[in-house]
Amino acid sequence: EVMADLCRKLGMNLDLVSTDWGTVNQRILN
């Protein structure tokens, strides 16, 4: 959440994907 707020303040084109930790662990292998 803090990282997302910083990215928005910096004007980055952010897409925050909020999901469960198990899904994150699967997706980061992609």
ModelCIF file with pLDDT and N, C-alpha, C, O atoms, coordinates in Angstrom:
data_MODEL
#
_entry.id   MODEL 
#
_entity.id                         1 
_entity.type                       polymer 
_entity.pdbx_number_of_molecules   1 
#
_entity_poly.entity_id                      1 
_entity_poly.type                           'polypeptide(L)' 
_entity_poly.nstd_linkage                   no 
_entity_poly.nstd_monomer                   no 
_entity_poly.pdbx_seq_one_letter_code       EVMADLCRKLGMNLDLVSTDWGTVNQRILN 
_entity_poly.pdbx_seq_one_letter_code_can   EVMADLCRKLGMNLDLVSTDWGTVNQRILN 
_entity_poly.pdbx_strand_id                 A 
#
loop_
_entity_poly_seq.entity_id 
_entity_poly_seq.num 
_entity_poly_seq.mon_id 
_entity_poly_seq.hetero 
1 1  GLU n 
1 2  VAL n 
1 3  MET n 
1 4  ALA n 
1 5  ASP n 
1 6  LEU n 
1 7  CYS n 
1 8  ARG n 
1 9  LYS n 
1 10 LEU n 
1 11 GLY n 
1 12 MET n 
1 13 ASN n 
1 14 LEU n 
1 15 ASP n 
1 16 LEU n 
1 17 VAL n 
1 18 SER n 
1 19 THR n 
1 20 ASP n 
1 21 TRP n 
1 22 GLY n 
1 23 THR n 
1 24 VAL n 
1 25 ASN n 
1 26 GLN n 
1 27 ARG n 
1 28 ILE n 
1 29 LEU n 
1 30 ASN n 
#
_struct_asym.id          A 
_struct_asym.entity_id   1 
#
loop_
_ma_qa_metric.id 
_ma_qa_metric.mode 
_ma_qa_metric.name 
_ma_qa_metric.software_group_id 
_ma_qa_metric.type 
1 global pLDDT . pLDDT 
2 local  pLDDT . pLDDT 
#
_ma_qa_metric_global.metric_id      1 
_ma_qa_metric_global.metric_value   93.87 
_ma_qa_metric_global.model_id       1 
_ma_qa_metric_global.ordinal_id     1 
#
loop_
_ma_qa_metric_local.label_asym_id 
_ma_qa_metric_local.label_comp_id 
_ma_qa_metric_local.label_seq_id 
_ma_qa_metric_local.metric_id 
_ma_qa_metric_local.metric_value 
_ma_qa_metric_local.model_id 
_ma_qa_metric_local.ordinal_id 
A GLU 1  2 98.00 1 1  
A VAL 2  2 97.00 1 2  
A MET 3  2 98.00 1 3  
A ALA 4  2 98.00 1 4  
A ASP 5  2 98.00 1 5  
A LEU 6  2 97.00 1 6  
A CYS 7  2 97.00 1 7  
A ARG 8  2 97.00 1 8  
A LYS 9  2 97.00 1 9  
A LEU 10 2 97.00 1 10 
A GLY 11 2 97.00 1 11 
A MET 12 2 97.00 1 12 
A ASN 13 2 98.00 1 13 
A LEU 14 2 98.00 1 14 
A ASP 15 2 98.00 1 15 
A LEU 16 2 98.00 1 16 
A VAL 17 2 97.00 1 17 
A SER 18 2 97.00 1 18 
A THR 19 2 93.00 1 19 
A ASP 20 2 88.00 1 20 
A TRP 21 2 83.00 1 21 
A GLY 22 2 79.00 1 22 
A THR 23 2 88.00 1 23 
A VAL 24 2 91.00 1 24 
A ASN 25 2 84.00 1 25 
A GLN 26 2 86.00 1 26 
A ARG 27 2 94.00 1 27 
A ILE 28 2 93.00 1 28 
A LEU 29 2 89.00 1 29 
A ASN 30 2 94.00 1 30 
#
loop_
_atom_site.group_PDB 
_atom_site.id 
_atom_site.type_symbol 
_atom_site.label_atom_id 
_atom_site.label_alt_id 
_atom_site.label_comp_id 
_atom_site.label_asym_id 
_atom_site.label_entity_id 
_atom_site.label_seq_id 
_atom_site.pdbx_PDB_ins_code 
_atom_site.Cartn_x 
_atom_site.Cartn_y 
_atom_site.Cartn_z 
_atom_site.occupancy 
_atom_site.B_iso_or_equiv 
_atom_site.pdbx_formal_charge 
_atom_site.auth_seq_id 
_atom_site.auth_comp_id 
_atom_site.auth_asym_id 
_atom_site.auth_atom_id 
_atom_site.pdbx_PDB_model_num 
ATOM 1   N N  . GLU A 1 1  ? 0.833  -1.199  0.000   1.00 98.00 ? 1  GLU A N  1 
ATOM 2   C CA . GLU A 1 1  ? 0.000  0.000   0.000   1.00 98.00 ? 1  GLU A CA 1 
ATOM 3   C C  . GLU A 1 1  ? 0.873  1.257   0.000   1.00 98.00 ? 1  GLU A C  1 
ATOM 4   O O  . GLU A 1 1  ? 0.573  2.216   -0.711  1.00 98.00 ? 1  GLU A O  1 
ATOM 5   N N  . VAL A 1 2  ? 1.934  1.260   0.780   1.00 97.00 ? 2  VAL A N  1 
ATOM 6   C CA . VAL A 1 2  ? 2.841  2.419   0.813   1.00 97.00 ? 2  VAL A CA 1 
ATOM 7   C C  . VAL A 1 2  ? 3.536  2.567   -0.539  1.00 97.00 ? 2  VAL A C  1 
ATOM 8   O O  . VAL A 1 2  ? 3.691  3.678   -1.045  1.00 97.00 ? 2  VAL A O  1 
ATOM 9   N N  . MET A 1 3  ? 3.955  1.434   -1.123  1.00 98.00 ? 3  MET A N  1 
ATOM 10  C CA . MET A 1 3  ? 4.621  1.482   -2.423  1.00 98.00 ? 3  MET A CA 1 
ATOM 11  C C  . MET A 1 3  ? 3.682  2.009   -3.501  1.00 98.00 ? 3  MET A C  1 
ATOM 12  O O  . MET A 1 3  ? 4.086  2.795   -4.357  1.00 98.00 ? 3  MET A O  1 
ATOM 13  N N  . ALA A 1 4  ? 2.424  1.571   -3.453  1.00 98.00 ? 4  ALA A N  1 
ATOM 14  C CA . ALA A 1 4  ? 1.442  2.031   -4.428  1.00 98.00 ? 4  ALA A CA 1 
ATOM 15  C C  . ALA A 1 4  ? 1.232  3.533   -4.320  1.00 98.00 ? 4  ALA A C  1 
ATOM 16  O O  . ALA A 1 4  ? 1.156  4.229   -5.333  1.00 98.00 ? 4  ALA A O  1 
ATOM 17  N N  . ASP A 1 5  ? 1.139  4.030   -3.096  1.00 98.00 ? 5  ASP A N  1 
ATOM 18  C CA . ASP A 1 5  ? 0.949  5.468   -2.889  1.00 98.00 ? 5  ASP A CA 1 
ATOM 19  C C  . ASP A 1 5  ? 2.132  6.259   -3.437  1.00 98.00 ? 5  ASP A C  1 
ATOM 20  O O  . ASP A 1 5  ? 1.945  7.311   -4.049  1.00 98.00 ? 5  ASP A O  1 
ATOM 21  N N  . LEU A 1 6  ? 3.357  5.755   -3.220  1.00 97.00 ? 6  LEU A N  1 
ATOM 22  C CA . LEU A 1 6  ? 4.540  6.425   -3.743  1.00 97.00 ? 6  LEU A CA 1 
ATOM 23  C C  . LEU A 1 6  ? 4.531  6.450   -5.266  1.00 97.00 ? 6  LEU A C  1 
ATOM 24  O O  . LEU A 1 6  ? 4.820  7.482   -5.872  1.00 97.00 ? 6  LEU A O  1 
ATOM 25  N N  . CYS A 1 7  ? 4.203  5.326   -5.884  1.00 97.00 ? 7  CYS A N  1 
ATOM 26  C CA . CYS A 1 7  ? 4.179  5.268   -7.349  1.00 97.00 ? 7  CYS A CA 1 
ATOM 27  C C  . CYS A 1 7  ? 3.188  6.275   -7.922  1.00 97.00 ? 7  CYS A C  1 
ATOM 28  O O  . CYS A 1 7  ? 3.462  6.921   -8.933  1.00 97.00 ? 7  CYS A O  1 
ATOM 29  N N  . ARG A 1 8  ? 2.038  6.403   -7.269  1.00 97.00 ? 8  ARG A N  1 
ATOM 30  C CA . ARG A 1 8  ? 1.042  7.369   -7.752  1.00 97.00 ? 8  ARG A CA 1 
ATOM 31  C C  . ARG A 1 8  ? 1.570  8.797   -7.611  1.00 97.00 ? 8  ARG A C  1 
ATOM 32  O O  . ARG A 1 8  ? 1.391  9.618   -8.510  1.00 97.00 ? 8  ARG A O  1 
ATOM 33  N N  . LYS A 1 9  ? 2.227  9.094   -6.473  1.00 97.00 ? 9  LYS A N  1 
ATOM 34  C CA . LYS A 1 9  ? 2.788  10.433  -6.279  1.00 97.00 ? 9  LYS A CA 1 
ATOM 35  C C  . LYS A 1 9  ? 3.850  10.750  -7.317  1.00 97.00 ? 9  LYS A C  1 
ATOM 36  O O  . LYS A 1 9  ? 4.022  11.905  -7.705  1.00 97.00 ? 9  LYS A O  1 
ATOM 37  N N  . LEU A 1 10 ? 4.562  9.722   -7.765  1.00 97.00 ? 10 LEU A N  1 
ATOM 38  C CA . LEU A 1 10 ? 5.619  9.927   -8.764  1.00 97.00 ? 10 LEU A CA 1 
ATOM 39  C C  . LEU A 1 10 ? 5.072  9.980   -10.183 1.00 97.00 ? 10 LEU A C  1 
ATOM 40  O O  . LEU A 1 10 ? 5.824  10.206  -11.131 1.00 97.00 ? 10 LEU A O  1 
ATOM 41  N N  . GLY A 1 11 ? 3.770  9.774   -10.332 1.00 97.00 ? 11 GLY A N  1 
ATOM 42  C CA . GLY A 1 11 ? 3.155  9.835   -11.647 1.00 97.00 ? 11 GLY A CA 1 
ATOM 43  C C  . GLY A 1 11 ? 3.338  8.578   -12.479 1.00 97.00 ? 11 GLY A C  1 
ATOM 44  O O  . GLY A 1 11 ? 3.221  8.624   -13.703 1.00 97.00 ? 11 GLY A O  1 
ATOM 45  N N  . MET A 1 12 ? 3.625  7.450   -11.825 1.00 97.00 ? 12 MET A N  1 
ATOM 46  C CA . MET A 1 12 ? 3.801  6.203   -12.561 1.00 97.00 ? 12 MET A CA 1 
ATOM 47  C C  . MET A 1 12 ? 2.437  5.622   -12.919 1.00 97.00 ? 12 MET A C  1 
ATOM 48  O O  . MET A 1 12 ? 1.456  5.828   -12.204 1.00 97.00 ? 12 MET A O  1 
ATOM 49  N N  . ASN A 1 13 ? 2.387  4.915   -14.001 1.00 98.00 ? 13 ASN A N  1 
ATOM 50  C CA . ASN A 1 13 ? 1.157  4.304   -14.513 1.00 98.00 ? 13 ASN A CA 1 
ATOM 51  C C  . ASN A 1 13 ? 0.933  2.981   -13.778 1.00 98.00 ? 13 ASN A C  1 
ATOM 52  O O  . ASN A 1 13 ? 1.268  1.912   -14.288 1.00 98.00 ? 13 ASN A O  1 
ATOM 53  N N  . LEU A 1 14 ? 0.365  3.070   -12.579 1.00 98.00 ? 14 LEU A N  1 
ATOM 54  C CA . LEU A 1 14 ? 0.296  1.926   -11.674 1.00 98.00 ? 14 LEU A CA 1 
ATOM 55  C C  . LEU A 1 14 ? -0.991 1.135   -11.843 1.00 98.00 ? 14 LEU A C  1 
ATOM 56  O O  . LEU A 1 14 ? -2.079 1.694   -11.980 1.00 98.00 ? 14 LEU A O  1 
ATOM 57  N N  . ASP A 1 15 ? -0.834 -0.184  -11.829 1.00 98.00 ? 15 ASP A N  1 
ATOM 58  C CA . ASP A 1 15 ? -1.952 -1.123  -11.762 1.00 98.00 ? 15 ASP A CA 1 
ATOM 59  C C  . ASP A 1 15 ? -1.725 -1.983  -10.518 1.00 98.00 ? 15 ASP A C  1 
ATOM 60  O O  . ASP A 1 15 ? -0.922 -2.916  -10.543 1.00 98.00 ? 15 ASP A O  1 
ATOM 61  N N  . LEU A 1 16 ? -2.434 -1.666  -9.428  1.00 98.00 ? 16 LEU A N  1 
ATOM 62  C CA . LEU A 1 16 ? -2.307 -2.416  -8.176  1.00 98.00 ? 16 LEU A CA 1 
ATOM 63  C C  . LEU A 1 16 ? -3.240 -3.618  -8.221  1.00 98.00 ? 16 LEU A C  1 
ATOM 64  O O  . LEU A 1 16 ? -4.455 -3.470  -8.353  1.00 98.00 ? 16 LEU A O  1 
ATOM 65  N N  . VAL A 1 17 ? -2.659 -4.815  -8.109  1.00 97.00 ? 17 VAL A N  1 
ATOM 66  C CA . VAL A 1 17 ? -3.437 -6.058  -8.117  1.00 97.00 ? 17 VAL A CA 1 
ATOM 67  C C  . VAL A 1 17 ? -3.433 -6.616  -6.698  1.00 97.00 ? 17 VAL A C  1 
ATOM 68  O O  . VAL A 1 17 ? -2.419 -7.145  -6.243  1.00 97.00 ? 17 VAL A O  1 
ATOM 69  N N  . SER A 1 18 ? -4.543 -6.503  -6.006  1.00 97.00 ? 18 SER A N  1 
ATOM 70  C CA . SER A 1 18 ? -4.666 -6.978  -4.632  1.00 97.00 ? 18 SER A CA 1 
ATOM 71  C C  . SER A 1 18 ? -5.322 -8.353  -4.635  1.00 97.00 ? 18 SER A C  1 
ATOM 72  O O  . SER A 1 18 ? -6.447 -8.515  -5.107  1.00 97.00 ? 18 SER A O  1 
ATOM 73  N N  . THR A 1 19 ? -4.610 -9.335  -4.104  1.00 93.00 ? 19 THR A N  1 
ATOM 74  C CA . THR A 1 19 ? -5.109 -10.703 -4.117  1.00 93.00 ? 19 THR A CA 1 
ATOM 75  C C  . THR A 1 19 ? -4.499 -11.450 -2.940  1.00 93.00 ? 19 THR A C  1 
ATOM 76  O O  . THR A 1 19 ? -3.766 -10.863 -2.144  1.00 93.00 ? 19 THR A O  1 
ATOM 77  N N  . ASP A 1 20 ? -4.796 -12.740 -2.823  1.00 88.00 ? 20 ASP A N  1 
ATOM 78  C CA . ASP A 1 20 ? -4.242 -13.517 -1.718  1.00 88.00 ? 20 ASP A CA 1 
ATOM 79  C C  . ASP A 1 20 ? -2.793 -13.897 -2.015  1.00 88.00 ? 20 ASP A C  1 
ATOM 80  O O  . ASP A 1 20 ? -2.363 -13.901 -3.169  1.00 88.00 ? 20 ASP A O  1 
ATOM 81  N N  . TRP A 1 21 ? -2.046 -14.216 -0.948  1.00 83.00 ? 21 TRP A N  1 
ATOM 82  C CA . TRP A 1 21 ? -0.620 -14.487 -1.065  1.00 83.00 ? 21 TRP A CA 1 
ATOM 83  C C  . TRP A 1 21 ? -0.348 -15.735 -1.911  1.00 83.00 ? 21 TRP A C  1 
ATOM 84  O O  . TRP A 1 21 ? 0.655  -15.795 -2.622  1.00 83.00 ? 21 TRP A O  1 
ATOM 85  N N  . GLY A 1 22 ? -1.224 -16.715 -1.837  1.00 79.00 ? 22 GLY A N  1 
ATOM 86  C CA . GLY A 1 22 ? -1.039 -17.910 -2.659  1.00 79.00 ? 22 GLY A CA 1 
ATOM 87  C C  . GLY A 1 22 ? -1.097 -17.587 -4.144  1.00 79.00 ? 22 GLY A C  1 
ATOM 88  O O  . GLY A 1 22 ? -0.315 -18.121 -4.930  1.00 79.00 ? 22 GLY A O  1 
ATOM 89  N N  . THR A 1 23 ? -2.012 -16.721 -4.524  1.00 88.00 ? 23 THR A N  1 
ATOM 90  C CA . THR A 1 23 ? -2.118 -16.321 -5.938  1.00 88.00 ? 23 THR A CA 1 
ATOM 91  C C  . THR A 1 23 ? -0.904 -15.518 -6.365  1.00 88.00 ? 23 THR A C  1 
ATOM 92  O O  . THR A 1 23 ? -0.415 -15.673 -7.484  1.00 88.00 ? 23 THR A O  1 
ATOM 93  N N  . VAL A 1 24 ? -0.408 -14.647 -5.468  1.00 91.00 ? 24 VAL A N  1 
ATOM 94  C CA . VAL A 1 24 ? 0.819  -13.901 -5.784  1.00 91.00 ? 24 VAL A CA 1 
ATOM 95  C C  . VAL A 1 24 ? 1.966  -14.869 -6.050  1.00 91.00 ? 24 VAL A C  1 
ATOM 96  O O  . VAL A 1 24 ? 2.708  -14.705 -7.018  1.00 91.00 ? 24 VAL A O  1 
ATOM 97  N N  . ASN A 1 25 ? 2.111  -15.881 -5.188  1.00 84.00 ? 25 ASN A N  1 
ATOM 98  C CA . ASN A 1 25 ? 3.201  -16.845 -5.357  1.00 84.00 ? 25 ASN A CA 1 
ATOM 99  C C  . ASN A 1 25 ? 3.122  -17.584 -6.688  1.00 84.00 ? 25 ASN A C  1 
ATOM 100 O O  . ASN A 1 25 ? 4.152  -17.925 -7.270  1.00 84.00 ? 25 ASN A O  1 
ATOM 101 N N  . GLN A 1 26 ? 1.931  -17.827 -7.164  1.00 86.00 ? 26 GLN A N  1 
ATOM 102 C CA . GLN A 1 26 ? 1.781  -18.482 -8.461  1.00 86.00 ? 26 GLN A CA 1 
ATOM 103 C C  . GLN A 1 26 ? 2.088  -17.510 -9.604  1.00 86.00 ? 26 GLN A C  1 
ATOM 104 O O  . GLN A 1 26 ? 2.758  -17.868 -10.572 1.00 86.00 ? 26 GLN A O  1 
ATOM 105 N N  . ARG A 1 27 ? 1.592  -16.286 -9.479  1.00 94.00 ? 27 ARG A N  1 
ATOM 106 C CA . ARG A 1 27 ? 1.737  -15.343 -10.589 1.00 94.00 ? 27 ARG A CA 1 
ATOM 107 C C  . ARG A 1 27 ? 3.174  -14.886 -10.784 1.00 94.00 ? 27 ARG A C  1 
ATOM 108 O O  . ARG A 1 27 ? 3.585  -14.635 -11.917 1.00 94.00 ? 27 ARG A O  1 
ATOM 109 N N  . ILE A 1 28 ? 3.956  -14.772 -9.704  1.00 93.00 ? 28 ILE A N  1 
ATOM 110 C CA . ILE A 1 28 ? 5.319  -14.273 -9.884  1.00 93.00 ? 28 ILE A CA 1 
ATOM 111 C C  . ILE A 1 28 ? 6.202  -15.255 -10.651 1.00 93.00 ? 28 ILE A C  1 
ATOM 112 O O  . ILE A 1 28 ? 7.306  -14.900 -11.064 1.00 93.00 ? 28 ILE A O  1 
ATOM 113 N N  . LEU A 1 29 ? 5.729  -16.476 -10.845 1.00 89.00 ? 29 LEU A N  1 
ATOM 114 C CA . LEU A 1 29 ? 6.473  -17.429 -11.673 1.00 89.00 ? 29 LEU A CA 1 
ATOM 115 C C  . LEU A 1 29 ? 6.256  -17.167 -13.162 1.00 89.00 ? 29 LEU A C  1 
ATOM 116 O O  . LEU A 1 29 ? 6.964  -17.731 -13.996 1.00 89.00 ? 29 LEU A O  1 
ATOM 117 N N  . ASN A 1 30 ? 5.294  -16.325 -13.500 1.00 94.00 ? 30 ASN A N  1 
ATOM 118 C CA . ASN A 1 30 ? 4.973  -16.000 -14.885 1.00 94.00 ? 30 ASN A CA 1 
ATOM 119 C C  . ASN A 1 30 ? 5.961  -14.971 -15.404 1.00 94.00 ? 30 ASN A C  1 
ATOM 120 O O  . ASN A 1 30 ? 5.870  -14.555 -16.559 1.00 94.00 ? 30 ASN A O  1 
#
